[in-house]
C-alpha cells in the first residue's frame, strides 16, 4: 500500500485551519498543522513534506520568510500560498521566490483539494521526467543534477528553484525540439488561469543567468520566435 502524501498546513486562523485539515484528512493525507512560521520551518526541517499550504500573513515570521527557508532546505517541496483578496504584491513576490501556486481567500475547500492534488501530480510527473534523464547531465561547461536541483558552471555552484529545475528538465528531455511557452506552463506549473506565458519568460531569464556564458546571447536555451524555446546541448 502506498504511503499517504504528507501535507503541512501553516495557518494561524483556527477556523480556516480546522476546515482545511479535516478536508485533507478526509482525503487520507497525512496532515500536520502549524499556527506560526517559526514552528513550521523547524517542523519541515525535521520532517519533510510533499505539499505545504502556507498563509502569507502569519504572526512573527511571515509566509514569504517561511517560503524562503523551506525552499532552501527542500527545493522540490510544493508550496501553495494562501493569500487574502487584494494581496497581489505578496502573491507576485511569492511566485517569484519559488511558490508553486496560490489560492485567494475566501476559498472553497474543493478548490484547495484540487490544487493540492494538482501539486502532487506535478511533483510525481517531475520525478518521472527526471527519471529518464541522467542525474548528472552535462552540456557545455555546465554539470547539473536535476534530482537534487544543483547546477555547477565553471566551478560555481547554483541552486535551482523547483520551477527552474522543472523548466530545464523539460527542455533537456525534449532537447532539439521547439517547446511552446504554453506547453512549459502546462507541464511545469500545471493549469492555472491566473498565470501567463510571462511567467515562463521570467524563469528562462533566470536560468540563462546560471547556464549561459553570455545570457543575452544564449547557446543552449534558445528563443524560437513566435513559439517558445529550444534546448541545444
Protein backbone atom coordinates (compact mmCIF):
# COMPACT_ATOMS: atom_id res chain seq x y z
CA UNK A 1 0.00 0.00 0.00
CA UNK A 2 1.41 3.41 -0.98
CA UNK A 3 2.34 5.76 1.82
CA UNK A 4 -0.08 8.71 2.01
CA UNK A 5 1.18 12.10 0.83
CA UNK A 6 2.37 14.43 3.59
CA UNK A 7 0.66 17.83 3.64
CA UNK A 8 1.52 20.66 6.01
CA UNK A 9 -0.92 23.48 6.75
CA UNK A 10 0.58 26.74 8.05
CA UNK A 11 -2.36 28.94 9.05
CA UNK A 12 -2.98 30.96 12.23
CA UNK A 13 -6.75 31.32 11.73
CA UNK A 14 -8.14 28.38 13.73
CA UNK A 15 -11.41 28.20 11.80
CA UNK A 16 -9.75 28.11 8.39
CA UNK A 17 -7.06 25.69 9.57
CA UNK A 18 -9.59 23.27 11.07
CA UNK A 19 -11.65 23.14 7.88
CA UNK A 20 -8.62 22.57 5.65
CA UNK A 21 -7.03 19.98 7.95
CA UNK A 22 -10.27 17.98 8.23
CA UNK A 23 -10.79 18.07 4.45
CA UNK A 24 -7.23 16.85 3.84
CA UNK A 25 -7.58 14.04 6.36
CA UNK A 26 -10.85 13.04 4.73
CA UNK A 27 -8.80 12.56 1.52
CA UNK A 28 -6.47 10.26 3.53
CA UNK A 29 -3.48 12.62 3.51
CA UNK A 30 -1.02 12.68 6.40
CA UNK A 31 -1.50 16.20 7.80
CA UNK A 32 0.41 18.45 10.18
CA UNK A 33 -0.67 21.94 11.24
CA UNK A 34 1.36 24.90 12.47
CA UNK A 35 -0.05 28.28 13.50
CA UNK A 36 3.21 30.21 13.16
CA UNK A 37 6.18 30.40 10.82
CA UNK A 38 8.94 29.52 13.26
CA UNK A 39 7.38 26.17 14.22
CA UNK A 40 6.61 25.44 10.57
CA UNK A 41 10.23 25.94 9.48
CA UNK A 42 11.51 23.76 12.33
CA UNK A 43 8.93 21.07 11.60
CA UNK A 44 9.68 20.98 7.88
CA UNK A 45 13.41 20.77 8.56
CA UNK A 46 12.97 17.73 10.80
CA UNK A 47 10.23 16.01 8.80
CA UNK A 48 9.98 16.98 5.10
CA UNK A 49 6.57 17.19 3.43
CA UNK A 50 5.19 16.79 -0.09
CA UNK A 51 2.91 19.85 -0.17
CA UNK A 52 2.59 22.90 2.06
CA UNK A 53 -0.43 25.20 2.28
CA UNK A 54 1.17 28.42 3.52
CA UNK A 55 -0.62 31.55 4.71
CA UNK A 56 1.18 34.79 3.78
CA UNK A 57 0.11 36.72 6.89
CA UNK A 58 1.47 34.92 9.95
CA UNK A 59 2.47 36.18 13.40
CA UNK A 60 6.23 36.62 13.75
CA UNK A 61 7.94 35.06 10.73
CA UNK A 62 5.64 35.74 7.77
CA UNK A 63 4.77 33.36 4.95
CA UNK A 64 7.34 34.72 2.49
CA UNK A 65 10.12 34.13 5.03
CA UNK A 66 8.84 30.60 5.62
CA UNK A 67 8.76 30.07 1.85
CA UNK A 68 12.39 31.13 1.51
CA UNK A 69 13.58 28.88 4.34
CA UNK A 70 11.50 25.88 3.26
CA UNK A 71 12.64 26.03 -0.37
CA UNK A 72 16.27 26.41 0.69
CA UNK A 73 16.02 23.22 2.73
CA UNK A 74 13.80 21.26 0.31
CA UNK A 75 13.85 22.73 -3.22
CA UNK A 76 11.36 20.21 -4.62
CA UNK A 77 8.74 20.98 -1.95
CA UNK A 78 5.43 22.03 -3.50
CA UNK A 79 4.14 25.20 -1.79
CA UNK A 80 0.69 26.72 -2.28
CA UNK A 81 0.39 30.24 -0.86
CA UNK A 82 -2.84 31.30 0.85
CA UNK A 83 -3.37 35.00 0.22
CA UNK A 84 -6.11 37.42 1.18
CA UNK A 85 -8.00 39.21 -1.56
CA UNK A 86 -6.04 42.27 -2.65
CA UNK A 87 -2.61 40.94 -1.62
CA UNK A 88 -1.41 40.96 -5.21
CA UNK A 89 2.12 42.14 -4.36
CA UNK A 90 2.65 39.31 -1.88
CA UNK A 91 1.29 36.82 -4.40
CA UNK A 92 3.67 38.00 -7.14
CA UNK A 93 6.62 38.01 -4.74
CA UNK A 94 5.74 34.50 -3.63
CA UNK A 95 5.69 33.16 -7.18
CA UNK A 96 8.98 34.89 -7.97
CA UNK A 97 10.53 33.38 -4.84
CA UNK A 98 9.54 29.87 -5.87
CA UNK A 99 5.96 29.31 -4.69
CA UNK A 100 4.23 26.76 -6.92
CA UNK A 101 0.65 28.04 -6.74
CA UNK A 102 -1.66 30.22 -4.69
CA UNK A 103 -5.26 30.30 -3.52
CA UNK A 104 -7.03 33.55 -2.69
CA UNK A 105 -9.21 33.80 0.43
CA UNK A 106 -12.06 33.27 0.81
CA UNK A 107 -11.72 29.92 -0.94
CA UNK A 108 -13.73 26.74 -1.18
CA UNK A 109 -12.35 23.53 0.28
CA UNK A 110 -13.00 21.86 -3.07
CA UNK A 111 -10.67 24.35 -4.75
CA UNK A 112 -7.95 23.77 -2.15
CA UNK A 113 -8.20 19.99 -2.55
CA UNK A 114 -7.96 20.35 -6.33
CA UNK A 115 -4.83 22.50 -6.01
CA UNK A 116 -3.20 20.02 -3.61
CA UNK A 117 -3.91 17.12 -5.97
CA UNK A 118 -2.53 19.12 -8.90
CA UNK A 119 0.70 19.83 -6.98
CA UNK A 120 1.10 16.15 -6.09
CA UNK A 121 0.61 15.20 -9.76
CA UNK A 122 3.15 17.83 -10.75
CA UNK A 123 5.68 16.50 -8.25
CA UNK A 124 5.18 12.93 -9.46
CA UNK A 125 5.47 13.98 -13.10
CA UNK A 126 8.65 15.92 -12.36
CA UNK A 127 10.18 12.89 -10.65
CA UNK A 128 9.24 10.67 -13.58
CA UNK A 129 10.56 13.26 -16.02
CA UNK A 130 13.93 13.46 -14.32
CA UNK A 131 13.95 9.70 -14.01
CA UNK A 132 14.55 9.31 -17.77
CA UNK A 133 17.36 11.85 -17.73
CA UNK A 134 20.75 11.03 -16.18
CA UNK A 135 21.01 12.60 -12.73
CA UNK A 136 24.30 14.10 -13.81
CA UNK A 137 23.55 15.79 -17.13
CA UNK A 138 26.39 17.70 -18.76
CA UNK A 139 26.40 20.23 -21.55
CA UNK A 140 28.97 22.89 -22.43
CA UNK A 141 30.72 23.80 -19.18
CA UNK A 142 27.61 23.02 -17.12
CA UNK A 143 27.03 19.99 -14.89
CA UNK A 144 23.50 19.77 -13.49
CA UNK A 145 21.97 17.34 -11.01
CA UNK A 146 18.28 17.69 -11.78
CA UNK A 147 17.11 15.47 -8.94
CA UNK A 148 18.96 17.49 -6.31
CA UNK A 149 18.39 20.81 -8.16
CA UNK A 150 22.07 21.71 -8.12
CA UNK A 151 23.96 23.19 -11.07
CA UNK A 152 27.71 23.67 -11.41
CA UNK A 153 29.15 26.02 -14.00
CA UNK A 154 32.84 26.84 -14.24
CA UNK A 155 33.39 25.75 -10.66
CA UNK A 156 30.50 27.78 -9.23
CA UNK A 157 27.51 26.06 -7.61
CA UNK A 158 23.97 27.34 -8.19
CA UNK A 159 20.80 26.13 -6.51
CA UNK A 160 17.81 25.77 -8.80
CA UNK A 161 14.28 26.55 -7.70
CA UNK A 162 11.57 23.97 -8.31
CA UNK A 163 10.39 25.81 -11.41
CA UNK A 164 13.88 26.43 -12.78
CA UNK A 165 14.69 22.74 -12.42
CA UNK A 166 11.32 21.79 -13.90
CA UNK A 167 11.79 24.02 -16.94
CA UNK A 168 15.35 22.85 -17.50
CA UNK A 169 14.41 19.18 -17.07
CA UNK A 170 11.55 19.51 -19.56
CA UNK A 171 13.72 21.30 -22.11
CA UNK A 172 16.51 18.74 -21.72
CA UNK A 173 14.02 15.90 -22.01
CA UNK A 174 12.78 17.41 -25.27
CA UNK A 175 16.14 18.72 -26.48
CA UNK A 176 16.33 19.71 -30.10
CA UNK A 177 12.56 20.28 -30.27
CA UNK A 178 10.72 23.60 -30.21
CA UNK A 179 8.72 23.84 -26.99
CA UNK A 180 5.97 26.43 -26.68
CA UNK A 181 5.52 28.69 -23.68
CA UNK A 182 2.04 27.26 -23.19
CA UNK A 183 3.44 23.73 -23.11
CA UNK A 184 6.00 24.68 -20.47
CA UNK A 185 3.37 26.49 -18.43
CA UNK A 186 1.10 23.44 -18.51
CA UNK A 187 3.77 20.79 -17.89
CA UNK A 188 5.85 22.58 -15.25
CA UNK A 189 3.29 24.71 -13.39
CA UNK A 190 0.11 22.82 -14.13
CA UNK A 191 -3.05 24.57 -15.23
CA UNK A 192 -3.77 27.90 -13.58
CA UNK A 193 -5.94 30.57 -15.24
CA UNK A 194 -4.09 33.32 -13.37
CA UNK A 195 -0.68 32.58 -14.86
CA UNK A 196 0.59 33.94 -18.16
CA UNK A 197 3.39 32.98 -20.51
CA UNK A 198 5.35 35.86 -18.99
CA UNK A 199 5.88 33.54 -16.03
CA UNK A 200 7.81 31.18 -18.33
CA UNK A 201 9.88 34.00 -19.81
CA UNK A 202 10.94 35.13 -16.32
CA UNK A 203 12.13 31.63 -15.43
CA UNK A 204 14.06 31.38 -18.71
CA UNK A 205 15.82 34.66 -17.94
CA UNK A 206 16.85 33.35 -14.51
CA UNK A 207 18.02 30.04 -15.96
CA UNK A 208 20.13 31.73 -18.63
CA UNK A 209 21.99 33.69 -15.95
CA UNK A 210 23.01 30.39 -14.37
CA UNK A 211 23.58 28.38 -17.56
CA UNK A 212 24.86 30.67 -20.30
CA UNK A 213 28.28 32.31 -20.61
CA UNK A 214 26.56 35.32 -22.19
CA UNK A 215 22.87 35.29 -21.13
CA UNK A 216 21.97 37.89 -23.76
CA UNK A 217 23.46 35.65 -26.47
CA UNK A 218 22.48 32.12 -25.38
CA UNK A 219 23.97 28.97 -26.88
CA UNK A 220 21.86 26.36 -25.06
CA UNK A 221 18.43 27.80 -24.16
CA UNK A 222 17.44 29.34 -27.46
CA UNK A 223 14.43 31.53 -28.21
CA UNK A 224 12.19 30.32 -31.02
CA UNK A 225 10.44 33.49 -32.10
CA UNK A 226 6.68 33.18 -32.23
CA UNK A 227 6.77 29.80 -30.46
CA UNK A 228 8.86 29.45 -27.32
CA UNK A 229 12.22 27.87 -26.64
CA UNK A 230 14.56 25.07 -27.71
CA UNK A 231 17.37 23.41 -25.78
CA UNK A 232 20.59 22.61 -27.63
CA UNK A 233 23.30 20.77 -25.65
